[in-house]
N, C-alpha and C. Protein backbone atom coordinates (compact mmCIF):
# COMPACT_ATOMS: atom_id res chain seq x y z
N MET A 1 -27.76 9.14 -25.29
CA MET A 1 -28.63 9.52 -24.20
C MET A 1 -28.06 10.77 -23.56
N ALA A 2 -28.84 11.81 -23.41
CA ALA A 2 -28.37 13.06 -22.83
C ALA A 2 -29.23 13.43 -21.63
N TYR A 3 -28.59 13.98 -20.63
CA TYR A 3 -29.27 14.42 -19.42
C TYR A 3 -29.06 15.92 -19.28
N THR A 4 -30.05 16.62 -18.75
CA THR A 4 -29.89 18.04 -18.46
C THR A 4 -30.17 18.27 -16.99
N SER A 5 -29.45 19.21 -16.43
CA SER A 5 -29.63 19.56 -15.02
C SER A 5 -29.32 21.04 -14.86
N ALA A 6 -29.35 21.50 -13.64
CA ALA A 6 -29.05 22.91 -13.36
C ALA A 6 -27.60 23.23 -13.70
N MET A 7 -26.73 22.23 -13.64
CA MET A 7 -25.31 22.43 -13.93
C MET A 7 -25.03 22.45 -15.43
N GLY A 8 -25.95 22.01 -16.24
CA GLY A 8 -25.74 21.94 -17.68
C GLY A 8 -26.15 20.58 -18.18
N SER A 9 -25.66 20.24 -19.36
CA SER A 9 -26.04 18.95 -19.93
C SER A 9 -24.90 17.95 -19.77
N LEU A 10 -25.27 16.71 -19.68
CA LEU A 10 -24.33 15.62 -19.54
C LEU A 10 -24.69 14.57 -20.56
N GLU A 11 -23.74 14.19 -21.37
CA GLU A 11 -24.00 13.18 -22.38
C GLU A 11 -23.32 11.89 -21.99
N ARG A 12 -24.06 10.82 -22.04
CA ARG A 12 -23.55 9.51 -21.67
C ARG A 12 -23.51 8.65 -22.91
N THR A 13 -22.36 8.04 -23.13
CA THR A 13 -22.24 7.17 -24.29
C THR A 13 -21.98 5.75 -23.83
N ALA A 14 -22.45 4.81 -24.59
CA ALA A 14 -22.23 3.40 -24.28
C ALA A 14 -20.83 3.01 -24.75
N THR A 15 -20.00 2.54 -23.83
CA THR A 15 -18.64 2.12 -24.17
C THR A 15 -18.38 0.76 -23.58
N ASN A 16 -17.46 0.06 -24.17
CA ASN A 16 -17.01 -1.21 -23.62
C ASN A 16 -15.78 -0.96 -22.78
N THR A 17 -15.88 -1.25 -21.50
CA THR A 17 -14.76 -1.05 -20.59
C THR A 17 -14.13 -2.39 -20.30
N SER A 18 -12.82 -2.45 -20.48
CA SER A 18 -12.12 -3.70 -20.24
C SER A 18 -11.53 -3.71 -18.83
N VAL A 19 -11.08 -4.85 -18.42
CA VAL A 19 -10.45 -4.99 -17.10
C VAL A 19 -9.20 -4.12 -17.03
N ILE A 20 -8.48 -4.01 -18.12
CA ILE A 20 -7.28 -3.19 -18.17
C ILE A 20 -7.62 -1.72 -17.91
N ASP A 21 -8.71 -1.23 -18.48
CA ASP A 21 -9.14 0.14 -18.26
C ASP A 21 -9.48 0.38 -16.79
N VAL A 22 -10.19 -0.55 -16.19
CA VAL A 22 -10.56 -0.43 -14.78
C VAL A 22 -9.32 -0.47 -13.90
N LEU A 23 -8.41 -1.39 -14.17
CA LEU A 23 -7.18 -1.49 -13.39
C LEU A 23 -6.34 -0.23 -13.54
N ASP A 24 -6.26 0.31 -14.73
CA ASP A 24 -5.52 1.55 -14.95
C ASP A 24 -6.11 2.69 -14.13
N ARG A 25 -7.43 2.77 -14.11
CA ARG A 25 -8.10 3.83 -13.34
C ARG A 25 -7.88 3.66 -11.84
N VAL A 26 -7.97 2.43 -11.35
CA VAL A 26 -7.78 2.17 -9.92
C VAL A 26 -6.35 2.51 -9.51
N LEU A 27 -5.38 2.10 -10.31
CA LEU A 27 -3.99 2.39 -9.96
C LEU A 27 -3.69 3.88 -10.08
N ASP A 28 -4.36 4.57 -10.99
CA ASP A 28 -4.14 6.01 -11.15
C ASP A 28 -4.74 6.79 -9.99
N LYS A 29 -5.97 6.48 -9.63
CA LYS A 29 -6.67 7.23 -8.57
C LYS A 29 -6.49 6.61 -7.20
N GLY A 30 -6.46 5.28 -7.12
CA GLY A 30 -6.31 4.60 -5.85
C GLY A 30 -7.65 4.31 -5.20
N ILE A 31 -7.66 3.30 -4.33
CA ILE A 31 -8.84 2.93 -3.56
C ILE A 31 -8.40 2.72 -2.12
N VAL A 32 -9.16 3.26 -1.18
CA VAL A 32 -8.89 3.04 0.24
C VAL A 32 -10.12 2.38 0.84
N ILE A 33 -9.90 1.25 1.50
CA ILE A 33 -10.96 0.55 2.22
C ILE A 33 -10.58 0.58 3.69
N ASP A 34 -11.40 1.21 4.50
CA ASP A 34 -11.11 1.35 5.93
C ASP A 34 -12.23 0.65 6.70
N ALA A 35 -11.87 -0.34 7.51
CA ALA A 35 -12.88 -1.09 8.25
C ALA A 35 -12.49 -1.20 9.72
N TRP A 36 -13.49 -1.15 10.58
CA TRP A 36 -13.27 -1.31 12.01
C TRP A 36 -14.46 -2.09 12.56
N VAL A 37 -14.16 -3.24 13.16
CA VAL A 37 -15.21 -4.12 13.68
C VAL A 37 -14.85 -4.51 15.10
N ARG A 38 -15.85 -4.47 15.98
CA ARG A 38 -15.65 -4.92 17.36
C ARG A 38 -16.82 -5.81 17.75
N VAL A 39 -16.51 -6.97 18.30
CA VAL A 39 -17.52 -7.89 18.79
C VAL A 39 -17.35 -7.96 20.31
N SER A 40 -18.42 -7.63 21.01
CA SER A 40 -18.34 -7.66 22.47
C SER A 40 -19.55 -8.38 23.04
N LEU A 41 -19.36 -8.96 24.20
CA LEU A 41 -20.41 -9.69 24.87
C LEU A 41 -20.41 -9.25 26.33
N VAL A 42 -21.51 -8.71 26.78
CA VAL A 42 -21.70 -8.21 28.14
C VAL A 42 -20.61 -7.20 28.49
N GLY A 43 -20.31 -6.32 27.53
CA GLY A 43 -19.34 -5.26 27.77
C GLY A 43 -17.89 -5.71 27.69
N ILE A 44 -17.62 -6.95 27.35
CA ILE A 44 -16.25 -7.45 27.22
C ILE A 44 -15.94 -7.61 25.74
N ASP A 45 -14.87 -6.95 25.30
CA ASP A 45 -14.47 -7.06 23.90
C ASP A 45 -13.90 -8.44 23.64
N LEU A 46 -14.51 -9.15 22.71
CA LEU A 46 -14.02 -10.47 22.32
C LEU A 46 -13.08 -10.39 21.13
N ILE A 47 -13.48 -9.61 20.13
CA ILE A 47 -12.67 -9.48 18.92
C ILE A 47 -12.71 -8.02 18.47
N THR A 48 -11.56 -7.48 18.14
CA THR A 48 -11.48 -6.17 17.53
C THR A 48 -10.61 -6.29 16.28
N VAL A 49 -11.15 -5.84 15.16
CA VAL A 49 -10.42 -5.90 13.89
C VAL A 49 -10.39 -4.50 13.30
N GLU A 50 -9.18 -4.03 13.01
CA GLU A 50 -9.02 -2.76 12.31
C GLU A 50 -8.23 -3.05 11.05
N ALA A 51 -8.73 -2.58 9.93
CA ALA A 51 -8.05 -2.83 8.67
C ALA A 51 -8.11 -1.59 7.79
N ARG A 52 -7.01 -1.32 7.16
CA ARG A 52 -6.95 -0.25 6.16
C ARG A 52 -6.21 -0.82 4.96
N VAL A 53 -6.92 -0.90 3.85
CA VAL A 53 -6.35 -1.45 2.62
C VAL A 53 -6.24 -0.31 1.61
N LEU A 54 -5.06 -0.17 1.06
CA LEU A 54 -4.80 0.87 0.07
C LEU A 54 -4.31 0.20 -1.20
N VAL A 55 -5.02 0.44 -2.30
CA VAL A 55 -4.61 -0.09 -3.60
C VAL A 55 -4.35 1.11 -4.50
N ALA A 56 -3.09 1.28 -4.90
CA ALA A 56 -2.71 2.39 -5.75
C ALA A 56 -1.36 2.10 -6.37
N SER A 57 -1.01 2.88 -7.36
CA SER A 57 0.33 2.75 -7.93
C SER A 57 1.33 3.37 -6.95
N ILE A 58 2.59 3.06 -7.12
CA ILE A 58 3.63 3.62 -6.25
C ILE A 58 3.63 5.15 -6.35
N GLN A 59 3.48 5.67 -7.54
CA GLN A 59 3.48 7.12 -7.74
C GLN A 59 2.32 7.78 -6.99
N THR A 60 1.13 7.21 -7.10
CA THR A 60 -0.04 7.75 -6.41
C THR A 60 0.13 7.64 -4.90
N TYR A 61 0.65 6.50 -4.42
CA TYR A 61 0.87 6.33 -2.98
C TYR A 61 1.83 7.37 -2.44
N LEU A 62 2.95 7.57 -3.12
CA LEU A 62 3.93 8.54 -2.65
C LEU A 62 3.38 9.96 -2.67
N GLN A 63 2.50 10.25 -3.62
CA GLN A 63 1.90 11.57 -3.72
C GLN A 63 0.99 11.85 -2.53
N TYR A 64 0.25 10.83 -2.04
CA TYR A 64 -0.73 11.03 -0.98
C TYR A 64 -0.34 10.38 0.35
N ALA A 65 0.87 9.89 0.50
CA ALA A 65 1.27 9.15 1.71
C ALA A 65 1.13 9.99 2.98
N ASP A 66 1.53 11.24 2.94
CA ASP A 66 1.43 12.09 4.13
C ASP A 66 -0.02 12.32 4.54
N ALA A 67 -0.90 12.53 3.59
CA ALA A 67 -2.32 12.75 3.90
C ALA A 67 -2.95 11.50 4.47
N VAL A 68 -2.57 10.32 3.95
CA VAL A 68 -3.12 9.06 4.46
C VAL A 68 -2.64 8.83 5.89
N ALA A 69 -1.39 9.15 6.19
CA ALA A 69 -0.86 8.96 7.53
C ALA A 69 -1.59 9.83 8.55
N GLU A 70 -2.03 11.01 8.14
CA GLU A 70 -2.75 11.91 9.05
C GLU A 70 -4.16 11.38 9.37
N LEU A 71 -4.70 10.52 8.51
CA LEU A 71 -6.03 9.98 8.73
C LEU A 71 -6.05 8.80 9.71
N ALA A 72 -4.87 8.28 10.06
CA ALA A 72 -4.81 7.13 10.95
C ALA A 72 -5.38 7.48 12.30
N PRO A 73 -6.22 6.61 12.86
CA PRO A 73 -6.81 6.90 14.18
C PRO A 73 -5.73 6.80 15.26
N PRO A 74 -5.89 7.55 16.34
CA PRO A 74 -4.91 7.46 17.43
C PRO A 74 -4.92 6.09 18.07
N SER A 75 -3.80 5.70 18.60
CA SER A 75 -3.68 4.38 19.25
C SER A 75 -4.55 4.33 20.49
N VAL A 76 -5.15 3.18 20.73
CA VAL A 76 -5.98 2.97 21.91
C VAL A 76 -5.10 2.36 22.99
N ILE A 77 -5.06 3.01 24.13
CA ILE A 77 -4.26 2.51 25.25
C ILE A 77 -5.19 1.74 26.18
N THR A 78 -4.84 0.47 26.41
CA THR A 78 -5.69 -0.34 27.28
C THR A 78 -4.95 -0.72 28.53
């Protein structure tokens, strides 16, 4: 199956991807999941959850550790 666009042509082939291939790709590139949830009632915060999950190999983490640290939100002073 081939696709054409303004950028050129793209050919897609059917391949069997194993769990090992997916895991290798995730560890090579890494995944960041950033979540922030606040539940409040009548203007009063009941629950606040902040989570940042990083899945990567040690090598990938060390390569991007400084950039990830810069993305951290500032602390909230209450």
